[in-house]
Amino acid sequence: DVQLQASGGGLVQAGGSLRLSCRTSGFTFDDYAISWFRQAPGKGREAVSCISSTGAITYYLNSVKGRFTISRDNAKNTAYLQMNSLKPEDTADYYCAAGPPYYSDDPPVSGEMVYWGRGTLVTVSS
């Protein structure tokens, strides 16, 4: 069975940090780009970050550039999202997803993702 398990969410004060993990199994991890999406209450899902299969190419939503860092460890079949200087507007459910090869600066498209994990809730208090 394919599994993507996102974890690491929680309640943090503004300015704080969290590290999300996306542990995967059941598919060839290093064949896929990994993306993080988020969905805030009452809003649509947006792409936050993406990392190519080798880690050479990354994408960040403008509002998180300089604060969030995506990484992956292909030996552990796990991807990470380090989130620093968190803001209340970062509050959302965060999802990791495995998708097709990523070569560009364009945001990943949720409809093109092949596998999805369950969300992990990030709440940033002011």
C-alpha atoms as a PDB file:
ATOM      1  CA  ASP A   1       0.000   0.000   0.000  1.00  0.00           C
ATOM      2  CA  VAL A   2       1.129   3.503  -0.766  1.00  0.00           C
ATOM      3  CA  GLN A   3       1.404   5.651   2.313  1.00  0.00           C
ATOM      4  CA  LEU A   4       2.407   9.258   2.878  1.00  0.00           C
ATOM      5  CA  GLN A   5       2.356  10.206   6.530  1.00  0.00           C
ATOM      6  CA  ALA A   6       2.654  13.899   7.310  1.00  0.00           C
ATOM      7  CA  SER A   7       3.531  14.833  10.869  1.00  0.00           C
ATOM      8  CA  GLY A   8       5.028  17.627  12.903  1.00  0.00           C
ATOM      9  CA  GLY A   9       2.151  20.067  12.973  1.00  0.00           C
ATOM     10  CA  GLY A  10       0.979  21.727  16.142  1.00  0.00           C
ATOM     11  CA  LEU A  11       0.275  24.989  17.914  1.00  0.00           C
ATOM     12  CA  VAL A  12       3.047  27.566  17.886  1.00  0.00           C
ATOM     13  CA  GLN A  13       3.283  31.256  18.612  1.00  0.00           C
ATOM     14  CA  ALA A  14       4.009  33.735  15.854  1.00  0.00           C
ATOM     15  CA  GLY A  15       7.724  33.814  15.155  1.00  0.00           C
ATOM     16  CA  GLY A  16       8.151  30.194  16.138  1.00  0.00           C
ATOM     17  CA  SER A  17       9.241  27.196  14.110  1.00  0.00           C
ATOM     18  CA  LEU A  18       7.960  23.780  13.162  1.00  0.00           C
ATOM     19  CA  ARG A  19       9.414  20.982  11.074  1.00  0.00           C
ATOM     20  CA  LEU A  20       6.979  18.890   9.089  1.00  0.00           C
ATOM     21  CA  SER A  21       7.932  15.396   7.957  1.00  0.00           C
ATOM     22  CA  CYS A  22       6.418  13.326   5.183  1.00  0.00           C
ATOM     23  CA  ARG A  23       7.314   9.665   5.611  1.00  0.00           C
ATOM     24  CA  THR A  24       6.443   7.502   2.642  1.00  0.00           C
ATOM     25  CA  SER A  25       6.269   3.870   1.666  1.00  0.00           C
ATOM     26  CA  GLY A  26       4.852   1.673  -1.065  1.00  0.00           C
ATOM     27  CA  PHE A  27       6.305   3.475  -4.068  1.00  0.00           C
ATOM     28  CA  THR A  28       9.700   4.418  -5.469  1.00  0.00           C
ATOM     29  CA  PHE A  29      10.260   7.636  -3.556  1.00  0.00           C
ATOM     30  CA  ASP A  30      13.131   8.986  -5.630  1.00  0.00           C
ATOM     31  CA  ASP A  31      11.112   8.725  -8.847  1.00  0.00           C
ATOM     32  CA  TYR A  32       8.780  11.487  -7.652  1.00  0.00           C
ATOM     33  CA  ALA A  33       8.876  15.153  -6.863  1.00  0.00           C
ATOM     34  CA  ILE A  34       7.420  15.909  -3.446  1.00  0.00           C
ATOM     35  CA  SER A  35       5.188  18.885  -2.813  1.00  0.00           C
ATOM     36  CA  TRP A  36       3.631  20.479   0.223  1.00  0.00           C
ATOM     37  CA  PHE A  37       0.190  22.028  -0.114  1.00  0.00           C
ATOM     38  CA  ARG A  38      -1.870  23.786   2.510  1.00  0.00           C
ATOM     39  CA  GLN A  39      -5.501  24.620   2.988  1.00  0.00           C
ATOM     40  CA  ALA A  40      -6.679  27.206   5.446  1.00  0.00           C
ATOM     41  CA  PRO A  41     -10.255  27.187   6.779  1.00  0.00           C
ATOM     42  CA  GLY A  42     -12.626  28.494   4.134  1.00  0.00           C
ATOM     43  CA  LYS A  43      -9.917  28.776   1.506  1.00  0.00           C
ATOM     44  CA  GLY A  44      -8.697  26.739  -1.423  1.00  0.00           C
ATOM     45  CA  ARG A  45      -5.661  24.509  -1.446  1.00  0.00           C
ATOM     46  CA  GLU A  46      -2.411  26.210  -2.411  1.00  0.00           C
ATOM     47  CA  ALA A  47       1.022  24.910  -3.281  1.00  0.00           C
ATOM     48  CA  VAL A  48       3.554  25.900  -0.662  1.00  0.00           C
ATOM     49  CA  SER A  49       6.717  24.193  -1.832  1.00  0.00           C
ATOM     50  CA  CYS A  50       8.047  21.487  -4.111  1.00  0.00           C
ATOM     51  CA  ILE A  51      11.325  19.608  -4.447  1.00  0.00           C
ATOM     52  CA  SER A  52      12.464  17.632  -7.451  1.00  0.00           C
ATOM     53  CA  SER A  53      13.357  13.976  -7.169  1.00  0.00           C
ATOM     54  CA  THR A  54      17.069  14.709  -6.744  1.00  0.00           C
ATOM     55  CA  GLY A  55      16.549  17.798  -4.631  1.00  0.00           C
ATOM     56  CA  ALA A  56      18.211  20.026  -7.185  1.00  0.00           C
ATOM     57  CA  ILE A  57      15.153  22.136  -7.988  1.00  0.00           C
ATOM     58  CA  THR A  58      12.791  23.702  -5.490  1.00  0.00           C
ATOM     59  CA  TYR A  59       9.750  25.934  -5.568  1.00  0.00           C
ATOM     60  CA  TYR A  60       8.375  28.203  -2.851  1.00  0.00           C
ATOM     61  CA  LEU A  61       5.203  30.211  -2.604  1.00  0.00           C
ATOM     62  CA  ASN A  62       6.214  33.863  -2.519  1.00  0.00           C
ATOM     63  CA  SER A  63       4.794  34.410   0.957  1.00  0.00           C
ATOM     64  CA  VAL A  64       7.003  31.675   2.457  1.00  0.00           C
ATOM     65  CA  LYS A  65      10.265  32.393   0.628  1.00  0.00           C
ATOM     66  CA  GLY A  66      13.092  32.939   3.078  1.00  0.00           C
ATOM     67  CA  ARG A  67      11.105  31.365   5.916  1.00  0.00           C
ATOM     68  CA  PHE A  68      10.418  27.805   4.754  1.00  0.00           C
ATOM     69  CA  THR A  69      12.929  25.240   3.512  1.00  0.00           C
ATOM     70  CA  ILE A  70      12.014  22.018   1.776  1.00  0.00           C
ATOM     71  CA  SER A  71      14.343  19.030   1.771  1.00  0.00           C
ATOM     72  CA  ARG A  72      14.290  15.306   1.204  1.00  0.00           C
ATOM     73  CA  ASP A  73      16.253  12.252   2.248  1.00  0.00           C
ATOM     74  CA  ASN A  74      15.859   9.643  -0.475  1.00  0.00           C
ATOM     75  CA  ALA A  75      17.560   7.021   1.685  1.00  0.00           C
ATOM     76  CA  LYS A  76      14.791   7.432   4.265  1.00  0.00           C
ATOM     77  CA  ASN A  77      11.942   7.967   1.776  1.00  0.00           C
ATOM     78  CA  THR A  78      11.112  11.113   3.705  1.00  0.00           C
ATOM     79  CA  ALA A  79      10.631  14.771   2.861  1.00  0.00           C
ATOM     80  CA  TYR A  80      10.688  17.713   5.224  1.00  0.00           C
ATOM     81  CA  LEU A  81       9.405  21.241   5.441  1.00  0.00           C
ATOM     82  CA  GLN A  82      11.238  23.437   7.914  1.00  0.00           C
ATOM     83  CA  MET A  83       9.045  26.409   8.762  1.00  0.00           C
ATOM     84  CA  ASN A  84      10.593  29.367  10.563  1.00  0.00           C
ATOM     85  CA  SER A  85       9.264  32.790  11.500  1.00  0.00           C
ATOM     86  CA  LEU A  86       5.746  31.461  11.363  1.00  0.00           C
ATOM     87  CA  LYS A  87       2.875  33.887  10.965  1.00  0.00           C
ATOM     88  CA  PRO A  88      -0.813  33.545  11.834  1.00  0.00           C
ATOM     89  CA  GLU A  89      -1.579  33.457   8.107  1.00  0.00           C
ATOM     90  CA  ASP A  90       0.415  30.219   7.851  1.00  0.00           C
ATOM     91  CA  THR A  91      -2.322  28.495   9.840  1.00  0.00           C
ATOM     92  CA  ALA A  92      -3.667  25.633   7.729  1.00  0.00           C
ATOM     93  CA  ASP A  93      -3.786  21.919   7.183  1.00  0.00           C
ATOM     94  CA  TYR A  94      -0.543  20.943   5.447  1.00  0.00           C
ATOM     95  CA  TYR A  95      -0.460  18.016   3.031  1.00  0.00           C
ATOM     96  CA  CYS A  96       2.415  16.295   1.314  1.00  0.00           C
ATOM     97  CA  ALA A  97       2.008  14.792  -2.123  1.00  0.00           C
ATOM     98  CA  ALA A  98       4.093  12.860  -4.632  1.00  0.00           C
ATOM     99  CA  GLY A  99       3.910  14.032  -8.208  1.00  0.00           C
ATOM    100  CA  PRO A 100       5.531  13.978 -11.616  1.00  0.00           C
ATOM    101  CA  PRO A 101       9.106  15.160 -12.238  1.00  0.00           C
ATOM    102  CA  TYR A 102       9.579  18.826 -11.436  1.00  0.00           C
ATOM    103  CA  TYR A 103      11.787  20.873 -13.713  1.00  0.00           C
ATOM    104  CA  SER A 104      10.449  24.414 -13.672  1.00  0.00           C
ATOM    105  CA  ASP A 105       9.807  27.439 -11.472  1.00  0.00           C
ATOM    106  CA  ASP A 106       6.048  27.039 -11.828  1.00  0.00           C
ATOM    107  CA  PRO A 107       3.992  26.022  -8.805  1.00  0.00           C
ATOM    108  CA  PRO A 108       3.072  22.337  -8.665  1.00  0.00           C
ATOM    109  CA  VAL A 109      -0.500  21.563  -9.650  1.00  0.00           C
ATOM    110  CA  SER A 110      -2.608  19.651  -7.155  1.00  0.00           C
ATOM    111  CA  GLY A 111      -4.479  17.856  -9.950  1.00  0.00           C
ATOM    112  CA  GLU A 112      -1.225  16.365 -11.192  1.00  0.00           C
ATOM    113  CA  MET A 113      -0.253  14.800  -7.874  1.00  0.00           C
ATOM    114  CA  VAL A 114      -0.257  11.018  -7.893  1.00  0.00           C
ATOM    115  CA  TYR A 115      -0.256  10.227  -4.179  1.00  0.00           C
ATOM    116  CA  TRP A 116      -1.496  12.251  -1.233  1.00  0.00           C
ATOM    117  CA  GLY A 117      -1.013  12.017   2.474  1.00  0.00           C
ATOM    118  CA  ARG A 118      -3.358  13.126   5.219  1.00  0.00           C
ATOM    119  CA  GLY A 119      -2.911  16.611   6.504  1.00  0.00           C
ATOM    120  CA  THR A 120      -1.154  17.810   9.594  1.00  0.00           C
ATOM    121  CA  LEU A 121      -2.613  20.890  11.239  1.00  0.00           C
ATOM    122  CA  VAL A 122      -0.415  23.922  11.826  1.00  0.00           C
ATOM    123  CA  THR A 123      -1.872  26.626  14.038  1.00  0.00           C
ATOM    124  CA  VAL A 124       0.044  29.856  14.570  1.00  0.00           C
ATOM    125  CA  SER A 125      -1.220  32.108  17.324  1.00  0.00           C
ATOM    126  CA  SER A 126      -0.637  35.851  17.328  1.00  0.00           C
END
